[in-house]
Each structure stands twice: as C-alpha cells, then as structure tokens.
Amino acid sequence: MDPTTALVANIANRRPDLVRKLLPAALPWVRSLPAVDIDTMADEVVHMAPGSDTVMSQLLIEWRHTAEIHADPQLNRALMRQPLADFGPVPRPTEQ
C-alpha cells in the first residue's frame, strides 16, 4: 500500500470526522461540491481508505468530475434539468 494511502486509511479509521474537515484543504476542487456531497464523499473516502490505491484513485476521479459539473453553471443546469418525457424503450443493439 502506498504510504499516503496508508496515512489516509489510518486517519479515516481513527478520526472519520477529520476527513470531512480536511478534504477541501487537500483537494481544493471539493469546494465546488454542495455540503451534502462533501459529506457523502467523506463517507466514501473513509470506507474506501483501507482498500487499494486504484480504488481510491477512481473514487477521487469520479468526485472530481462531479465537482466540475457543479462548478459549471451551464453544464449543471443541463444535467439537472428533468426530461420533458420518457423517451421510450431503448432498442436492442444489432449484432454486426
């Protein structure tokens, strides 16, 4: 395990509340997330910390993309807008 991941895992296990407080300082893009998402992210980091570096990296990539959506008002509006109607069943892919 990477020493940084091990450090995060130990902090998460001993002080999960501290993870929530330190995330915005360690990862400035976290500030673009709504408070409820920061809480959810902190919970996921705490639960994933003992796992592999790859899993933690993927988790952070996904949350960073979520923060990017929240930071871009036009993109956020487009993704949060409710569809006007159900688009119907999805056709089965054709084999080639």
PDB file of N, CA and C in Angstrom:
ATOM      1  N   MET A   1       0.857  -1.186   0.000  1.00  0.00           N
ATOM      2  CA  MET A   1       0.000   0.000   0.000  1.00  0.00           C
ATOM      3  C   MET A   1       0.896   1.239   0.000  1.00  0.00           C
ATOM      4  N   ASP A   2       0.528   2.196  -0.805  1.00  0.00           N
ATOM      5  CA  ASP A   2       1.227   3.472  -0.880  1.00  0.00           C
ATOM      6  C   ASP A   2       1.219   4.133   0.507  1.00  0.00           C
ATOM      7  N   PRO A   3       2.331   4.738   0.934  1.00  0.00           N
ATOM      8  CA  PRO A   3       2.371   5.374   2.270  1.00  0.00           C
ATOM      9  C   PRO A   3       1.302   6.446   2.460  1.00  0.00           C
ATOM     10  N   THR A   4       0.985   7.190   1.410  1.00  0.00           N
ATOM     11  CA  THR A   4      -0.046   8.221   1.528  1.00  0.00           C
ATOM     12  C   THR A   4      -1.414   7.588   1.754  1.00  0.00           C
ATOM     13  N   THR A   5      -1.694   6.526   1.023  1.00  0.00           N
ATOM     14  CA  THR A   5      -2.964   5.821   1.200  1.00  0.00           C
ATOM     15  C   THR A   5      -3.048   5.229   2.601  1.00  0.00           C
ATOM     16  N   ALA A   6      -1.939   4.684   3.078  1.00  0.00           N
ATOM     17  CA  ALA A   6      -1.902   4.127   4.433  1.00  0.00           C
ATOM     18  C   ALA A   6      -2.171   5.215   5.465  1.00  0.00           C
ATOM     19  N   LEU A   7      -1.599   6.395   5.259  1.00  0.00           N
ATOM     20  CA  LEU A   7      -1.815   7.513   6.175  1.00  0.00           C
ATOM     21  C   LEU A   7      -3.287   7.917   6.194  1.00  0.00           C
ATOM     22  N   VAL A   8      -3.880   8.051   4.998  1.00  0.00           N
ATOM     23  CA  VAL A   8      -5.296   8.414   4.908  1.00  0.00           C
ATOM     24  C   VAL A   8      -6.159   7.347   5.576  1.00  0.00           C
ATOM     25  N   ALA A   9      -5.820   6.080   5.343  1.00  0.00           N
ATOM     26  CA  ALA A   9      -6.584   4.980   5.948  1.00  0.00           C
ATOM     27  C   ALA A   9      -6.535   5.060   7.469  1.00  0.00           C
ATOM     28  N   ASN A  10      -5.361   5.338   8.027  1.00  0.00           N
ATOM     29  CA  ASN A  10      -5.236   5.436   9.486  1.00  0.00           C
ATOM     30  C   ASN A  10      -6.003   6.618  10.044  1.00  0.00           C
ATOM     31  N   ILE A  11      -5.922   7.757   9.363  1.00  0.00           N
ATOM     32  CA  ILE A  11      -6.680   8.930   9.819  1.00  0.00           C
ATOM     33  C   ILE A  11      -8.175   8.641   9.726  1.00  0.00           C
ATOM     34  N   ALA A  12      -8.588   8.044   8.607  1.00  0.00           N
ATOM     35  CA  ALA A  12     -10.009   7.743   8.410  1.00  0.00           C
ATOM     36  C   ALA A  12     -10.528   6.795   9.471  1.00  0.00           C
ATOM     37  N   ASN A  13      -9.734   5.818   9.845  1.00  0.00           N
ATOM     38  CA  ASN A  13     -10.166   4.852  10.859  1.00  0.00           C
ATOM     39  C   ASN A  13     -10.228   5.472  12.248  1.00  0.00           C
ATOM     40  N   ARG A  14      -9.309   6.364  12.538  1.00  0.00           N
ATOM     41  CA  ARG A  14      -9.264   6.957  13.884  1.00  0.00           C
ATOM     42  C   ARG A  14     -10.130   8.192  14.032  1.00  0.00           C
ATOM     43  N   ARG A  15     -10.173   8.997  12.980  1.00  0.00           N
ATOM     44  CA  ARG A  15     -10.910  10.263  13.049  1.00  0.00           C
ATOM     45  C   ARG A  15     -11.680  10.526  11.758  1.00  0.00           C
ATOM     46  N   PRO A  16     -12.753   9.780  11.503  1.00  0.00           N
ATOM     47  CA  PRO A  16     -13.502   9.995  10.256  1.00  0.00           C
ATOM     48  C   PRO A  16     -14.008  11.429  10.110  1.00  0.00           C
ATOM     49  N   ASP A  17     -14.308  12.088  11.243  1.00  0.00           N
ATOM     50  CA  ASP A  17     -14.772  13.475  11.197  1.00  0.00           C
ATOM     51  C   ASP A  17     -13.708  14.409  10.645  1.00  0.00           C
ATOM     52  N   LEU A  18     -12.455  14.067  10.863  1.00  0.00           N
ATOM     53  CA  LEU A  18     -11.344  14.890  10.398  1.00  0.00           C
ATOM     54  C   LEU A  18     -11.219  14.833   8.874  1.00  0.00           C
ATOM     55  N   VAL A  19     -11.554  13.701   8.292  1.00  0.00           N
ATOM     56  CA  VAL A  19     -11.503  13.567   6.837  1.00  0.00           C
ATOM     57  C   VAL A  19     -12.397  14.625   6.197  1.00  0.00           C
ATOM     58  N   ARG A  20     -13.616  14.789   6.707  1.00  0.00           N
ATOM     59  CA  ARG A  20     -14.573  15.772   6.172  1.00  0.00           C
ATOM     60  C   ARG A  20     -13.997  17.182   6.244  1.00  0.00           C
ATOM     61  N   LYS A  21     -13.313  17.495   7.335  1.00  0.00           N
ATOM     62  CA  LYS A  21     -12.764  18.836   7.510  1.00  0.00           C
ATOM     63  C   LYS A  21     -11.551  19.090   6.625  1.00  0.00           C
ATOM     64  N   LEU A  22     -10.757  18.052   6.360  1.00  0.00           N
ATOM     65  CA  LEU A  22      -9.514  18.228   5.614  1.00  0.00           C
ATOM     66  C   LEU A  22      -9.667  18.119   4.098  1.00  0.00           C
ATOM     67  N   LEU A  23     -10.736  17.521   3.626  1.00  0.00           N
ATOM     68  CA  LEU A  23     -10.899  17.333   2.181  1.00  0.00           C
ATOM     69  C   LEU A  23     -10.762  18.630   1.377  1.00  0.00           C
ATOM     70  N   PRO A  24     -11.444  19.728   1.747  1.00  0.00           N
ATOM     71  CA  PRO A  24     -11.312  20.950   0.942  1.00  0.00           C
ATOM     72  C   PRO A  24      -9.895  21.530   0.937  1.00  0.00           C
ATOM     73  N   ALA A  25      -9.146  21.334   1.997  1.00  0.00           N
ATOM     74  CA  ALA A  25      -7.773  21.835   2.021  1.00  0.00           C
ATOM     75  C   ALA A  25      -6.859  20.964   1.168  1.00  0.00           C
ATOM     76  N   ALA A  26      -7.083  19.664   1.207  1.00  0.00           N
ATOM     77  CA  ALA A  26      -6.238  18.736   0.454  1.00  0.00           C
ATOM     78  C   ALA A  26      -6.594  18.722  -1.031  1.00  0.00           C
ATOM     79  N   LEU A  27      -7.880  18.876  -1.329  1.00  0.00           N
ATOM     80  CA  LEU A  27      -8.372  18.823  -2.707  1.00  0.00           C
ATOM     81  C   LEU A  27      -9.255  20.053  -2.932  1.00  0.00           C
ATOM     82  N   PRO A  28      -8.670  21.174  -3.373  1.00  0.00           N
ATOM     83  CA  PRO A  28      -9.433  22.430  -3.492  1.00  0.00           C
ATOM     84  C   PRO A  28     -10.706  22.336  -4.326  1.00  0.00           C
ATOM     85  N   TRP A  29     -10.760  21.429  -5.301  1.00  0.00           N
ATOM     86  CA  TRP A  29     -11.957  21.303  -6.131  1.00  0.00           C
ATOM     87  C   TRP A  29     -13.168  20.822  -5.333  1.00  0.00           C
ATOM     88  N   VAL A  30     -12.935  20.261  -4.151  1.00  0.00           N
ATOM     89  CA  VAL A  30     -14.040  19.804  -3.291  1.00  0.00           C
ATOM     90  C   VAL A  30     -14.953  20.971  -2.928  1.00  0.00           C
ATOM     91  N   ARG A  31     -14.406  22.180  -2.908  1.00  0.00           N
ATOM     92  CA  ARG A  31     -15.208  23.362  -2.542  1.00  0.00           C
ATOM     93  C   ARG A  31     -16.348  23.625  -3.522  1.00  0.00           C
ATOM     94  N   SER A  32     -16.277  23.041  -4.715  1.00  0.00           N
ATOM     95  CA  SER A  32     -17.352  23.207  -5.706  1.00  0.00           C
ATOM     96  C   SER A  32     -18.545  22.295  -5.432  1.00  0.00           C
ATOM     97  N   LEU A  33     -18.364  21.329  -4.539  1.00  0.00           N
ATOM     98  CA  LEU A  33     -19.446  20.391  -4.222  1.00  0.00           C
ATOM     99  C   LEU A  33     -20.396  20.978  -3.191  1.00  0.00           C
ATOM    100  N   PRO A  34     -21.687  20.655  -3.293  1.00  0.00           N
ATOM    101  CA  PRO A  34     -22.618  21.024  -2.219  1.00  0.00           C
ATOM    102  C   PRO A  34     -22.223  20.294  -0.926  1.00  0.00           C
ATOM    103  N   ALA A  35     -22.590  20.861   0.201  1.00  0.00           N
ATOM    104  CA  ALA A  35     -22.216  20.290   1.503  1.00  0.00           C
ATOM    105  C   ALA A  35     -22.621  18.827   1.637  1.00  0.00           C
ATOM    106  N   VAL A  36     -23.815  18.485   1.156  1.00  0.00           N
ATOM    107  CA  VAL A  36     -24.277  17.100   1.275  1.00  0.00           C
ATOM    108  C   VAL A  36     -23.369  16.163   0.475  1.00  0.00           C
ATOM    109  N   ASP A  37     -22.875  16.624  -0.674  1.00  0.00           N
ATOM    110  CA  ASP A  37     -21.968  15.796  -1.464  1.00  0.00           C
ATOM    111  C   ASP A  37     -20.600  15.666  -0.793  1.00  0.00           C
ATOM    112  N   ILE A  38     -20.152  16.712  -0.117  1.00  0.00           N
ATOM    113  CA  ILE A  38     -18.880  16.621   0.610  1.00  0.00           C
ATOM    114  C   ILE A  38     -19.006  15.577   1.714  1.00  0.00           C
ATOM    115  N   ASP A  39     -20.138  15.571   2.396  1.00  0.00           N
ATOM    116  CA  ASP A  39     -20.365  14.562   3.432  1.00  0.00           C
ATOM    117  C   ASP A  39     -20.364  13.152   2.845  1.00  0.00           C
ATOM    118  N   THR A  40     -21.041  12.998   1.718  1.00  0.00           N
ATOM    119  CA  THR A  40     -21.092  11.688   1.061  1.00  0.00           C
ATOM    120  C   THR A  40     -19.698  11.269   0.609  1.00  0.00           C
ATOM    121  N   MET A  41     -18.964  12.199   0.024  1.00  0.00           N
ATOM    122  CA  MET A  41     -17.604  11.902  -0.420  1.00  0.00           C
ATOM    123  C   MET A  41     -16.726  11.495   0.760  1.00  0.00           C
ATOM    124  N   ALA A  42     -16.826  12.227   1.858  1.00  0.00           N
ATOM    125  CA  ALA A  42     -16.030  11.907   3.052  1.00  0.00           C
ATOM    126  C   ALA A  42     -16.358  10.498   3.548  1.00  0.00           C
ATOM    127  N   ASP A  43     -17.642  10.160   3.563  1.00  0.00           N
ATOM    128  CA  ASP A  43     -18.035   8.799   3.973  1.00  0.00           C
ATOM    129  C   ASP A  43     -17.426   7.752   3.048  1.00  0.00           C
ATOM    130  N   GLU A  44     -17.456   8.025   1.753  1.00  0.00           N
ATOM    131  CA  GLU A  44     -16.891   7.066   0.804  1.00  0.00           C
ATOM    132  C   GLU A  44     -15.375   6.944   0.957  1.00  0.00           C
ATOM    133  N   VAL A  45     -14.702   8.060   1.187  1.00  0.00           N
ATOM    134  CA  VAL A  45     -13.252   8.026   1.400  1.00  0.00           C
ATOM    135  C   VAL A  45     -12.926   7.208   2.646  1.00  0.00           C
ATOM    136  N   VAL A  46     -13.680   7.419   3.715  1.00  0.00           N
ATOM    137  CA  VAL A  46     -13.455   6.673   4.954  1.00  0.00           C
ATOM    138  C   VAL A  46     -13.644   5.176   4.717  1.00  0.00           C
ATOM    139  N   HIS A  47     -14.687   4.817   3.974  1.00  0.00           N
ATOM    140  CA  HIS A  47     -14.958   3.393   3.737  1.00  0.00           C
ATOM    141  C   HIS A  47     -13.997   2.767   2.734  1.00  0.00           C
ATOM    142  N   MET A  48     -13.477   3.571   1.797  1.00  0.00           N
ATOM    143  CA  MET A  48     -12.578   3.037   0.771  1.00  0.00           C
ATOM    144  C   MET A  48     -11.112   3.121   1.175  1.00  0.00           C
ATOM    145  N   ALA A  49     -10.794   3.901   2.184  1.00  0.00           N
ATOM    146  CA  ALA A  49      -9.392   4.135   2.560  1.00  0.00           C
ATOM    147  C   ALA A  49      -8.601   2.851   2.791  1.00  0.00           C
ATOM    148  N   PRO A  50      -9.164   1.845   3.440  1.00  0.00           N
ATOM    149  CA  PRO A  50      -8.370   0.626   3.630  1.00  0.00           C
ATOM    150  C   PRO A  50      -8.177  -0.194   2.343  1.00  0.00           C
ATOM    151  N   GLY A  51      -8.826   0.198   1.259  1.00  0.00           N
ATOM    152  CA  GLY A  51      -8.744  -0.557   0.007  1.00  0.00           C
ATOM    153  C   GLY A  51      -7.488  -0.238  -0.788  1.00  0.00           C
ATOM    154  N   SER A  52      -7.545  -0.524  -2.048  1.00  0.00           N
ATOM    155  CA  SER A  52      -6.381  -0.348  -2.909  1.00  0.00           C
ATOM    156  C   SER A  52      -6.240   1.098  -3.379  1.00  0.00           C
ATOM    157  N   ASP A  53      -5.025   1.427  -3.825  1.00  0.00           N
ATOM    158  CA  ASP A  53      -4.769   2.757  -4.373  1.00  0.00           C
ATOM    159  C   ASP A  53      -5.626   3.004  -5.609  1.00  0.00           C
ATOM    160  N   THR A  54      -5.813   1.966  -6.409  1.00  0.00           N
ATOM    161  CA  THR A  54      -6.581   2.091  -7.642  1.00  0.00           C
ATOM    162  C   THR A  54      -8.029   2.460  -7.348  1.00  0.00           C
ATOM    163  N   VAL A  55      -8.605   1.824  -6.356  1.00  0.00           N
ATOM    164  CA  VAL A  55      -9.996   2.110  -5.990  1.00  0.00           C
ATOM    165  C   VAL A  55     -10.120   3.543  -5.482  1.00  0.00           C
ATOM    166  N   MET A  56      -9.188   3.968  -4.645  1.00  0.00           N
ATOM    167  CA  MET A  56      -9.225   5.332  -4.116  1.00  0.00           C
ATOM    168  C   MET A  56      -9.021   6.348  -5.233  1.00  0.00           C
ATOM    169  N   SER A  57      -8.111   6.062  -6.150  1.00  0.00           N
ATOM    170  CA  SER A  57      -7.874   6.972  -7.280  1.00  0.00           C
ATOM    171  C   SER A  57      -9.134   7.131  -8.117  1.00  0.00           C
ATOM    172  N   GLN A  58      -9.809   6.031  -8.401  1.00  0.00           N
ATOM    173  CA  GLN A  58     -11.037   6.082  -9.200  1.00  0.00           C
ATOM    174  C   GLN A  58     -12.121   6.862  -8.469  1.00  0.00           C
ATOM    175  N   LEU A  59     -12.230   6.653  -7.171  1.00  0.00           N
ATOM    176  CA  LEU A  59     -13.213   7.384  -6.371  1.00  0.00           C
ATOM    177  C   LEU A  59     -12.971   8.891  -6.476  1.00  0.00           C
ATOM    178  N   LEU A  60     -11.711   9.302  -6.342  1.00  0.00           N
ATOM    179  CA  LEU A  60     -11.384  10.725  -6.411  1.00  0.00           C
ATOM    180  C   LEU A  60     -11.615  11.283  -7.807  1.00  0.00           C
ATOM    181  N   ILE A  61     -11.329  10.520  -8.837  1.00  0.00           N
ATOM    182  CA  ILE A  61     -11.591  10.960 -10.219  1.00  0.00           C
ATOM    183  C   ILE A  61     -13.085  11.212 -10.409  1.00  0.00           C
ATOM    184  N   GLU A  62     -13.901  10.284  -9.931  1.00  0.00           N
ATOM    185  CA  GLU A  62     -15.347  10.421 -10.092  1.00  0.00           C
ATOM    186  C   GLU A  62     -15.886  11.635  -9.343  1.00  0.00           C
ATOM    187  N   TRP A  63     -15.397  11.848  -8.132  1.00  0.00           N
ATOM    188  CA  TRP A  63     -15.851  13.008  -7.365  1.00  0.00           C
ATOM    189  C   TRP A  63     -15.348  14.308  -7.991  1.00  0.00           C
ATOM    190  N   ARG A  64     -14.151  14.289  -8.555  1.00  0.00           N
ATOM    191  CA  ARG A  64     -13.640  15.500  -9.211  1.00  0.00           C
ATOM    192  C   ARG A  64     -14.526  15.860 -10.402  1.00  0.00           C
ATOM    193  N   HIS A  65     -14.948  14.864 -11.159  1.00  0.00           N
ATOM    194  CA  HIS A  65     -15.849  15.134 -12.284  1.00  0.00           C
ATOM    195  C   HIS A  65     -17.181  15.686 -11.783  1.00  0.00           C
ATOM    196  N   THR A  66     -17.665  15.183 -10.670  1.00  0.00           N
ATOM    197  CA  THR A  66     -18.898  15.709 -10.082  1.00  0.00           C
ATOM    198  C   THR A  66     -18.719  17.172  -9.688  1.00  0.00           C
ATOM    199  N   ALA A  67     -17.573  17.506  -9.113  1.00  0.00           N
ATOM    200  CA  ALA A  67     -17.284  18.896  -8.736  1.00  0.00           C
ATOM    201  C   ALA A  67     -17.215  19.794  -9.971  1.00  0.00           C
ATOM    202  N   GLU A  68     -16.659  19.279 -11.057  1.00  0.00           N
ATOM    203  CA  GLU A  68     -16.589  20.049 -12.303  1.00  0.00           C
ATOM    204  C   GLU A  68     -17.981  20.380 -12.815  1.00  0.00           C
ATOM    205  N   ILE A  69     -18.899  19.445 -12.689  1.00  0.00           N
ATOM    206  CA  ILE A  69     -20.278  19.688 -13.118  1.00  0.00           C
ATOM    207  C   ILE A  69     -20.914  20.774 -12.261  1.00  0.00           C
ATOM    208  N   HIS A  70     -20.692  20.712 -10.958  1.00  0.00           N
ATOM    209  CA  HIS A  70     -21.256  21.734 -10.065  1.00  0.00           C
ATOM    210  C   HIS A  70     -20.622  23.098 -10.293  1.00  0.00           C
ATOM    211  N   ALA A  71     -19.372  23.134 -10.717  1.00  0.00           N
ATOM    212  CA  ALA A  71     -18.663  24.397 -10.919  1.00  0.00           C
ATOM    213  C   ALA A  71     -19.072  25.094 -12.216  1.00  0.00           C
ATOM    214  N   ASP A  72     -19.621  24.371 -13.160  1.00  0.00           N
ATOM    215  CA  ASP A  72     -20.022  24.928 -14.453  1.00  0.00           C
ATOM    216  C   ASP A  72     -21.540  25.094 -14.464  1.00  0.00           C
ATOM    217  N   PRO A  73     -22.032  26.330 -14.278  1.00  0.00           N
ATOM    218  CA  PRO A  73     -23.481  26.535 -14.172  1.00  0.00           C
ATOM    219  C   PRO A  73     -24.267  26.009 -15.377  1.00  0.00           C
ATOM    220  N   GLN A  74     -23.740  26.192 -16.574  1.00  0.00           N
ATOM    221  CA  GLN A  74     -24.453  25.743 -17.772  1.00  0.00           C
ATOM    222  C   GLN A  74     -24.543  24.214 -17.815  1.00  0.00           C
ATOM    223  N   LEU A  75     -23.448  23.554 -17.525  1.00  0.00           N
ATOM    224  CA  LEU A  75     -23.444  22.090 -17.510  1.00  0.00           C
ATOM    225  C   LEU A  75     -24.327  21.560 -16.382  1.00  0.00           C
ATOM    226  N   ASN A  76     -24.252  22.197 -15.239  1.00  0.00           N
ATOM    227  CA  ASN A  76     -25.069  21.782 -14.093  1.00  0.00           C
ATOM    228  C   ASN A  76     -26.552  21.875 -14.437  1.00  0.00           C
ATOM    229  N   ARG A  77     -26.962  23.002 -15.044  1.00  0.00           N
ATOM    230  CA  ARG A  77     -28.369  23.167 -15.431  1.00  0.00           C
ATOM    231  C   ARG A  77     -28.796  22.086 -16.423  1.00  0.00           C
ATOM    232  N   ALA A  78     -27.941  21.827 -17.408  1.00  0.00           N
ATOM    233  CA  ALA A  78     -28.276  20.837 -18.437  1.00  0.00           C
ATOM    234  C   ALA A  78     -28.451  19.446 -17.837  1.00  0.00           C
ATOM    235  N   LEU A  79     -27.608  19.087 -16.895  1.00  0.00           N
ATOM    236  CA  LEU A  79     -27.676  17.751 -16.317  1.00  0.00           C
ATOM    237  C   LEU A  79     -28.743  17.619 -15.235  1.00  0.00           C
ATOM    238  N   MET A  80     -29.127  18.705 -14.626  1.00  0.00           N
ATOM    239  CA  MET A  80     -30.123  18.650 -13.561  1.00  0.00           C
ATOM    240  C   MET A  80     -31.546  18.828 -14.087  1.00  0.00           C
ATOM    241  N   ARG A  81     -31.679  19.288 -15.321  1.00  0.00           N
ATOM    242  CA  ARG A  81     -32.999  19.505 -15.905  1.00  0.00           C
ATOM    243  C   ARG A  81     -33.720  18.170 -16.058  1.00  0.00           C
ATOM    244  N   GLN A  82     -34.968  18.161 -15.724  1.00  0.00           N
ATOM    245  CA  GLN A  82     -35.785  16.961 -15.873  1.00  0.00           C
ATOM    246  C   GLN A  82     -36.140  16.798 -17.347  1.00  0.00           C
ATOM    247  N   PRO A  83     -36.095  15.577 -17.853  1.00  0.00           N
ATOM    248  CA  PRO A  83     -36.517  15.386 -19.243  1.00  0.00           C
ATOM    249  C   PRO A  83     -37.992  15.727 -19.394  1.00  0.00           C
ATOM    250  N   LEU A  84     -38.364  16.178 -20.579  1.00  0.00           N
ATOM    251  CA  LEU A  84     -39.756  16.557 -20.827  1.00  0.00           C
ATOM    252  C   LEU A  84     -40.688  15.355 -20.822  1.00  0.00           C
ATOM    253  N   ALA A  85     -40.147  14.206 -21.229  1.00  0.00           N
ATOM    254  CA  ALA A  85     -40.978  13.000 -21.288  1.00  0.00           C
ATOM    255  C   ALA A  85     -40.069  11.781 -21.293  1.00  0.00           C
ATOM    256  N   ASP A  86     -40.688  10.649 -21.107  1.00  0.00           N
ATOM    257  CA  ASP A  86     -39.969   9.387 -21.218  1.00  0.00           C
ATOM    258  C   ASP A  86     -39.643   9.175 -22.693  1.00  0.00           C
ATOM    259  N   PHE A  87     -38.434   8.806 -22.980  1.00  0.00           N
ATOM    260  CA  PHE A  87     -38.019   8.635 -24.366  1.00  0.00           C
ATOM    261  C   PHE A  87     -38.344   7.244 -24.900  1.00  0.00           C
ATOM    262  N   GLY A  88     -39.047   6.456 -24.130  1.00  0.00           N
ATOM    263  CA  GLY A  88     -39.476   5.143 -24.593  1.00  0.00           C
ATOM    264  C   GLY A  88     -38.420   4.083 -24.419  1.00  0.00           C
ATOM    265  N   PRO A  89     -38.729   2.864 -24.883  1.00  0.00           N
ATOM    266  CA  PRO A  89     -37.770   1.774 -24.712  1.00  0.00           C
ATOM    267  C   PRO A  89     -36.525   1.976 -25.562  1.00  0.00           C
ATOM    268  N   VAL A  90     -35.444   1.467 -25.059  1.00  0.00           N
ATOM    269  CA  VAL A  90     -34.179   1.539 -25.781  1.00  0.00           C
ATOM    270  C   VAL A  90     -34.109   0.336 -26.709  1.00  0.00           C
ATOM    271  N   PRO A  91     -33.830   0.557 -28.000  1.00  0.00           N
ATOM    272  CA  PRO A  91     -33.766  -0.584 -28.903  1.00  0.00           C
ATOM    273  C   PRO A  91     -32.567  -1.473 -28.597  1.00  0.00           C
ATOM    274  N   ARG A  92     -32.751  -2.728 -28.805  1.00  0.00           N
ATOM    275  CA  ARG A  92     -31.689  -3.701 -28.588  1.00  0.00           C
ATOM    276  C   ARG A  92     -30.586  -3.474 -29.622  1.00  0.00           C
ATOM    277  N   PRO A  93     -29.311  -3.494 -29.207  1.00  0.00           N
ATOM    278  CA  PRO A  93     -28.240  -3.288 -30.192  1.00  0.00           C
ATOM    279  C   PRO A  93     -28.247  -4.399 -31.241  1.00  0.00           C
ATOM    280  N   THR A  94     -27.886  -4.022 -32.432  1.00  0.00           N
ATOM    281  CA  THR A  94     -27.812  -5.014 -33.508  1.00  0.00           C
ATOM    282  C   THR A  94     -26.413  -5.613 -33.544  1.00  0.00           C
ATOM    283  N   GLU A  95     -26.354  -6.880 -33.878  1.00  0.00           N
ATOM    284  CA  GLU A  95     -25.065  -7.542 -33.980  1.00  0.00           C
ATOM    285  C   GLU A  95     -24.502  -7.281 -35.365  1.00  0.00           C
ATOM    286  N   GLN A  96     -23.200  -7.091 -35.411  1.00  0.00           N
ATOM    287  CA  GLN A  96     -22.564  -6.822 -36.704  1.00  0.00           C
ATOM    288  C   GLN A  96     -21.638  -7.926 -37.084  1.00  0.00           C
TER     289      GLN A  96
END
